Amino acid sequence: MKYMMFVCSDAEPDTDTSAEPDINEWVRENDEAGRRRQGAVLAPPTAATTVRVRNKELLVTDGPFTETKEVIFGFDLLECADLDEAIAVARAHPMARGGRIEIRPFADFEQ
C-alpha cells in the first residue's frame, strides 16, 4: 500500500534528551528497503501561495491560508505492506520525537 507521510512540527515535542535518530540513516535504510519511494523538504510557510476560487473568482494569497503553530516541513511517499509497517517506519523518523508524523493511505477509487 502507498502512504503519504507528512513530516510536521508540533507544539509539544518529546522531552526525551537522548540523541535523536540520524535522518540520513533513516533515509538510506528506507530507500534501500524500497519503502521510501520519494521525499523532500518543503520551503518555509512564508514561501507558500494559497489558491482559492470563490464565485468563479480566482483568489491568490501569498503565504499560508491559516495561521498555525504547526508547519509541514516535508513529506515522504512510502510503500509498505500495511499500516503497521508504515507506523514502524514513521516511528523511526527523527521528527516523530521533535514534531509529529501524519500517515495517510492513498485513496483507492477502484474499490
N, C-alpha and C. Protein backbone atom coordinates (compact mmCIF):
# COMPACT_ATOMS: atom_id res chain seq x y z
N MET A 1 0.84 -1.18 0.00
CA MET A 1 0.00 0.00 0.00
C MET A 1 0.88 1.24 0.00
N LYS A 2 0.38 2.28 -0.64
CA LYS A 2 1.10 3.54 -0.67
C LYS A 2 0.54 4.48 0.39
N TYR A 3 1.46 5.16 1.08
CA TYR A 3 1.10 6.10 2.13
C TYR A 3 1.85 7.41 1.90
N MET A 4 1.16 8.52 2.16
CA MET A 4 1.83 9.81 2.20
C MET A 4 2.14 10.07 3.66
N MET A 5 3.39 10.39 3.93
CA MET A 5 3.82 10.67 5.29
C MET A 5 4.19 12.15 5.37
N PHE A 6 3.40 12.92 6.10
CA PHE A 6 3.69 14.34 6.29
C PHE A 6 4.56 14.50 7.53
N VAL A 7 5.65 15.22 7.38
CA VAL A 7 6.58 15.47 8.48
C VAL A 7 6.30 16.89 8.98
N CYS A 8 5.83 16.99 10.22
CA CYS A 8 5.33 18.26 10.74
C CYS A 8 5.99 18.65 12.06
N SER A 9 5.92 19.95 12.34
CA SER A 9 6.33 20.42 13.66
C SER A 9 5.20 20.12 14.63
N ASP A 10 5.46 20.31 15.91
CA ASP A 10 4.45 20.09 16.92
C ASP A 10 4.72 21.03 18.08
N ALA A 11 3.67 21.57 18.65
CA ALA A 11 3.81 22.50 19.78
C ALA A 11 4.26 21.78 21.05
N GLU A 12 4.16 20.45 21.08
CA GLU A 12 4.55 19.68 22.26
C GLU A 12 5.53 18.58 21.88
N PRO A 13 6.80 18.93 21.62
CA PRO A 13 7.78 17.90 21.25
C PRO A 13 8.11 17.00 22.44
N ASP A 14 8.74 15.88 22.16
CA ASP A 14 9.19 14.93 23.17
C ASP A 14 10.20 15.60 24.09
N THR A 15 10.16 15.29 25.35
CA THR A 15 11.10 15.86 26.32
C THR A 15 12.30 14.95 26.57
N ASP A 16 12.36 13.82 25.89
CA ASP A 16 13.50 12.90 26.00
C ASP A 16 14.75 13.61 25.48
N THR A 17 15.81 13.62 26.27
CA THR A 17 17.03 14.34 25.88
C THR A 17 18.08 13.44 25.24
N SER A 18 17.77 12.16 25.05
CA SER A 18 18.74 11.28 24.38
C SER A 18 18.83 11.66 22.90
N ALA A 19 19.91 11.22 22.27
CA ALA A 19 20.16 11.57 20.86
C ALA A 19 19.02 11.08 19.96
N GLU A 20 18.63 11.94 19.04
CA GLU A 20 17.61 11.56 18.07
C GLU A 20 18.22 10.67 17.00
N PRO A 21 17.40 9.86 16.33
CA PRO A 21 17.92 9.07 15.21
C PRO A 21 18.47 10.00 14.12
N ASP A 22 19.41 9.51 13.34
CA ASP A 22 20.01 10.28 12.26
C ASP A 22 19.12 10.23 11.03
N ILE A 23 18.74 11.39 10.50
CA ILE A 23 17.83 11.45 9.35
C ILE A 23 18.45 10.81 8.11
N ASN A 24 19.75 11.00 7.90
CA ASN A 24 20.40 10.40 6.73
C ASN A 24 20.38 8.88 6.80
N GLU A 25 20.54 8.34 7.99
CA GLU A 25 20.47 6.89 8.17
C GLU A 25 19.04 6.40 7.92
N TRP A 26 18.04 7.15 8.41
CA TRP A 26 16.64 6.78 8.19
C TRP A 26 16.33 6.75 6.69
N VAL A 27 16.77 7.78 5.97
CA VAL A 27 16.52 7.86 4.53
C VAL A 27 17.21 6.69 3.82
N ARG A 28 18.49 6.46 4.11
CA ARG A 28 19.23 5.38 3.46
C ARG A 28 18.58 4.03 3.71
N GLU A 29 18.24 3.75 4.96
CA GLU A 29 17.64 2.46 5.32
C GLU A 29 16.32 2.23 4.60
N ASN A 30 15.48 3.25 4.54
CA ASN A 30 14.17 3.07 3.91
C ASN A 30 14.24 3.11 2.39
N ASP A 31 15.20 3.84 1.83
CA ASP A 31 15.42 3.81 0.39
C ASP A 31 15.91 2.42 -0.03
N GLU A 32 16.89 1.89 0.70
CA GLU A 32 17.44 0.57 0.36
C GLU A 32 16.40 -0.54 0.49
N ALA A 33 15.48 -0.41 1.46
CA ALA A 33 14.44 -1.42 1.66
C ALA A 33 13.28 -1.26 0.68
N GLY A 34 13.28 -0.17 -0.09
CA GLY A 34 12.21 0.07 -1.06
C GLY A 34 10.93 0.62 -0.45
N ARG A 35 10.99 1.02 0.81
CA ARG A 35 9.79 1.55 1.47
C ARG A 35 9.60 3.03 1.18
N ARG A 36 10.69 3.77 1.04
CA ARG A 36 10.61 5.21 0.76
C ARG A 36 10.77 5.40 -0.74
N ARG A 37 9.70 5.82 -1.40
CA ARG A 37 9.71 5.95 -2.86
C ARG A 37 10.15 7.34 -3.30
N GLN A 38 9.87 8.34 -2.45
CA GLN A 38 10.22 9.72 -2.77
C GLN A 38 10.08 10.53 -1.50
N GLY A 39 10.76 11.64 -1.43
CA GLY A 39 10.62 12.52 -0.27
C GLY A 39 11.32 13.83 -0.55
N ALA A 40 10.91 14.86 0.18
CA ALA A 40 11.52 16.16 0.01
C ALA A 40 11.20 17.05 1.20
N VAL A 41 12.08 18.01 1.41
CA VAL A 41 11.86 19.06 2.40
C VAL A 41 11.17 20.21 1.67
N LEU A 42 10.19 20.81 2.32
CA LEU A 42 9.46 21.92 1.70
C LEU A 42 10.04 23.26 2.13
N ALA A 43 9.86 24.27 1.30
CA ALA A 43 10.24 25.63 1.64
C ALA A 43 9.38 26.08 2.82
N PRO A 44 9.79 27.13 3.53
CA PRO A 44 9.01 27.57 4.70
C PRO A 44 7.63 28.10 4.31
N PRO A 45 6.71 28.16 5.29
CA PRO A 45 5.36 28.63 5.00
C PRO A 45 5.31 30.03 4.38
N THR A 46 6.31 30.86 4.64
CA THR A 46 6.33 32.20 4.04
C THR A 46 6.45 32.14 2.52
N ALA A 47 6.89 31.02 1.98
CA ALA A 47 7.02 30.86 0.53
C ALA A 47 5.74 30.29 -0.10
N ALA A 48 4.75 29.98 0.72
CA ALA A 48 3.52 29.36 0.23
C ALA A 48 2.66 30.33 -0.56
N THR A 49 1.89 29.79 -1.47
CA THR A 49 0.86 30.53 -2.20
C THR A 49 -0.43 29.74 -2.04
N THR A 50 -1.48 30.41 -1.63
CA THR A 50 -2.77 29.77 -1.46
C THR A 50 -3.66 30.16 -2.63
N VAL A 51 -4.30 29.17 -3.25
CA VAL A 51 -5.17 29.39 -4.40
C VAL A 51 -6.58 28.94 -4.02
N ARG A 52 -7.53 29.82 -4.23
CA ARG A 52 -8.95 29.52 -3.99
C ARG A 52 -9.77 30.08 -5.14
N VAL A 53 -10.92 29.49 -5.38
CA VAL A 53 -11.88 30.03 -6.34
C VAL A 53 -13.19 30.20 -5.59
N ARG A 54 -13.71 31.42 -5.59
CA ARG A 54 -14.98 31.73 -4.93
C ARG A 54 -15.84 32.51 -5.91
N ASN A 55 -17.03 31.96 -6.18
CA ASN A 55 -17.95 32.59 -7.15
C ASN A 55 -17.24 32.86 -8.47
N LYS A 56 -16.47 31.88 -8.93
CA LYS A 56 -15.73 31.91 -10.20
C LYS A 56 -14.57 32.90 -10.21
N GLU A 57 -14.28 33.52 -9.09
CA GLU A 57 -13.17 34.47 -9.00
C GLU A 57 -11.95 33.79 -8.39
N LEU A 58 -10.81 33.96 -9.05
CA LEU A 58 -9.55 33.41 -8.56
C LEU A 58 -9.01 34.32 -7.46
N LEU A 59 -8.71 33.71 -6.31
CA LEU A 59 -8.12 34.43 -5.19
C LEU A 59 -6.76 33.81 -4.88
N VAL A 60 -5.70 34.57 -5.06
CA VAL A 60 -4.35 34.09 -4.81
C VAL A 60 -3.78 34.91 -3.65
N THR A 61 -3.29 34.20 -2.63
CA THR A 61 -2.76 34.84 -1.44
C THR A 61 -1.34 34.35 -1.19
N ASP A 62 -0.45 35.29 -0.90
CA ASP A 62 0.91 34.90 -0.51
C ASP A 62 0.87 34.37 0.91
N GLY A 63 1.67 33.33 1.16
CA GLY A 63 1.76 32.77 2.50
C GLY A 63 0.67 31.74 2.74
N PRO A 64 0.72 31.10 3.89
CA PRO A 64 -0.26 30.06 4.20
C PRO A 64 -1.64 30.66 4.44
N PHE A 65 -2.65 29.85 4.20
CA PHE A 65 -4.03 30.29 4.36
C PHE A 65 -4.37 30.52 5.82
N THR A 66 -3.88 29.65 6.70
CA THR A 66 -4.19 29.77 8.12
C THR A 66 -2.94 30.04 8.93
N GLU A 67 -3.11 30.73 10.01
CA GLU A 67 -2.02 30.93 10.95
C GLU A 67 -2.04 29.76 11.92
N THR A 68 -0.96 29.04 12.00
CA THR A 68 -0.89 27.88 12.86
C THR A 68 0.52 27.73 13.40
N LYS A 69 0.64 27.09 14.54
CA LYS A 69 1.96 26.85 15.12
C LYS A 69 2.62 25.66 14.46
N GLU A 70 1.81 24.73 13.94
CA GLU A 70 2.35 23.54 13.30
C GLU A 70 2.66 23.85 11.83
N VAL A 71 3.76 23.29 11.35
CA VAL A 71 4.22 23.52 9.98
C VAL A 71 4.53 22.18 9.34
N ILE A 72 4.15 21.99 8.09
CA ILE A 72 4.56 20.80 7.34
C ILE A 72 5.95 21.08 6.80
N PHE A 73 6.94 20.34 7.29
CA PHE A 73 8.33 20.53 6.87
C PHE A 73 8.66 19.78 5.59
N GLY A 74 8.00 18.66 5.39
CA GLY A 74 8.32 17.85 4.22
C GLY A 74 7.39 16.66 4.13
N PHE A 75 7.72 15.77 3.22
CA PHE A 75 6.88 14.59 3.01
C PHE A 75 7.75 13.44 2.54
N ASP A 76 7.22 12.25 2.72
CA ASP A 76 7.82 11.05 2.16
C ASP A 76 6.68 10.19 1.63
N LEU A 77 6.87 9.65 0.45
CA LEU A 77 5.93 8.72 -0.14
C LEU A 77 6.43 7.32 0.22
N LEU A 78 5.62 6.58 0.96
CA LEU A 78 6.02 5.25 1.42
C LEU A 78 5.24 4.18 0.68
N GLU A 79 5.88 3.04 0.49
CA GLU A 79 5.18 1.86 0.01
C GLU A 79 5.45 0.76 1.02
N CYS A 80 4.42 0.39 1.75
CA CYS A 80 4.55 -0.56 2.85
C CYS A 80 3.51 -1.67 2.70
N ALA A 81 3.76 -2.77 3.36
CA ALA A 81 2.83 -3.90 3.29
C ALA A 81 1.48 -3.53 3.88
N ASP A 82 1.50 -2.75 4.96
CA ASP A 82 0.26 -2.38 5.63
C ASP A 82 0.51 -1.19 6.55
N LEU A 83 -0.54 -0.76 7.24
CA LEU A 83 -0.43 0.39 8.13
C LEU A 83 0.56 0.15 9.26
N ASP A 84 0.62 -1.07 9.77
CA ASP A 84 1.57 -1.37 10.84
C ASP A 84 3.01 -1.11 10.41
N GLU A 85 3.36 -1.50 9.19
CA GLU A 85 4.71 -1.25 8.70
C GLU A 85 4.93 0.26 8.50
N ALA A 86 3.94 0.97 7.99
CA ALA A 86 4.06 2.42 7.81
C ALA A 86 4.26 3.12 9.16
N ILE A 87 3.56 2.66 10.19
CA ILE A 87 3.72 3.22 11.53
C ILE A 87 5.13 2.96 12.05
N ALA A 88 5.66 1.77 11.82
CA ALA A 88 7.02 1.44 12.26
C ALA A 88 8.04 2.34 11.56
N VAL A 89 7.84 2.60 10.28
CA VAL A 89 8.73 3.48 9.52
C VAL A 89 8.65 4.90 10.09
N ALA A 90 7.44 5.38 10.32
CA ALA A 90 7.24 6.73 10.86
C ALA A 90 7.81 6.87 12.27
N ARG A 91 7.67 5.84 13.05
CA ARG A 91 8.17 5.88 14.43
C ARG A 91 9.68 6.08 14.48
N ALA A 92 10.38 5.56 13.52
CA ALA A 92 11.84 5.66 13.48
C ALA A 92 12.33 6.99 12.92
N HIS A 93 11.44 7.81 12.35
CA HIS A 93 11.84 9.10 11.79
C HIS A 93 12.16 10.07 12.93
N PRO A 94 13.25 10.83 12.83
CA PRO A 94 13.61 11.76 13.90
C PRO A 94 12.51 12.74 14.29
N MET A 95 11.70 13.17 13.34
CA MET A 95 10.65 14.14 13.65
C MET A 95 9.48 13.53 14.40
N ALA A 96 9.44 12.21 14.55
CA ALA A 96 8.40 11.61 15.38
C ALA A 96 8.59 12.05 16.83
N ARG A 97 9.83 12.37 17.20
CA ARG A 97 10.12 12.85 18.56
C ARG A 97 10.05 14.37 18.65
N GLY A 98 10.61 15.06 17.69
CA GLY A 98 10.67 16.52 17.75
C GLY A 98 9.44 17.20 17.20
N GLY A 99 8.64 16.46 16.47
CA GLY A 99 7.45 17.02 15.85
C GLY A 99 6.35 15.98 15.85
N ARG A 100 5.76 15.79 14.68
CA ARG A 100 4.75 14.73 14.54
C ARG A 100 4.75 14.26 13.10
N ILE A 101 4.30 13.05 12.92
CA ILE A 101 4.22 12.44 11.60
C ILE A 101 2.76 12.08 11.35
N GLU A 102 2.25 12.49 10.20
CA GLU A 102 0.90 12.10 9.80
C GLU A 102 1.03 11.15 8.63
N ILE A 103 0.35 10.01 8.73
CA ILE A 103 0.38 8.99 7.67
C ILE A 103 -1.03 8.88 7.10
N ARG A 104 -1.12 8.97 5.76
CA ARG A 104 -2.42 8.78 5.10
C ARG A 104 -2.27 7.83 3.94
N PRO A 105 -3.16 6.83 3.87
CA PRO A 105 -3.12 5.95 2.70
C PRO A 105 -3.66 6.70 1.49
N PHE A 106 -3.18 6.31 0.34
CA PHE A 106 -3.73 6.86 -0.89
C PHE A 106 -5.12 6.25 -1.09
N ALA A 107 -6.06 7.04 -1.54
CA ALA A 107 -7.42 6.55 -1.77
C ALA A 107 -7.41 5.58 -2.94
N ASP A 108 -8.20 4.54 -2.82
CA ASP A 108 -8.35 3.57 -3.89
C ASP A 108 -9.76 3.72 -4.45
N PHE A 109 -9.86 4.46 -5.55
CA PHE A 109 -11.17 4.74 -6.12
C PHE A 109 -11.72 3.57 -6.96
N GLU A 110 -10.92 2.52 -7.11
CA GLU A 110 -11.37 1.36 -7.89
C GLU A 110 -12.18 0.40 -7.05
N GLN A 111 -12.16 0.54 -5.73
CA GLN A 111 -12.92 -0.38 -4.87
C GLN A 111 -14.34 0.07 -4.73
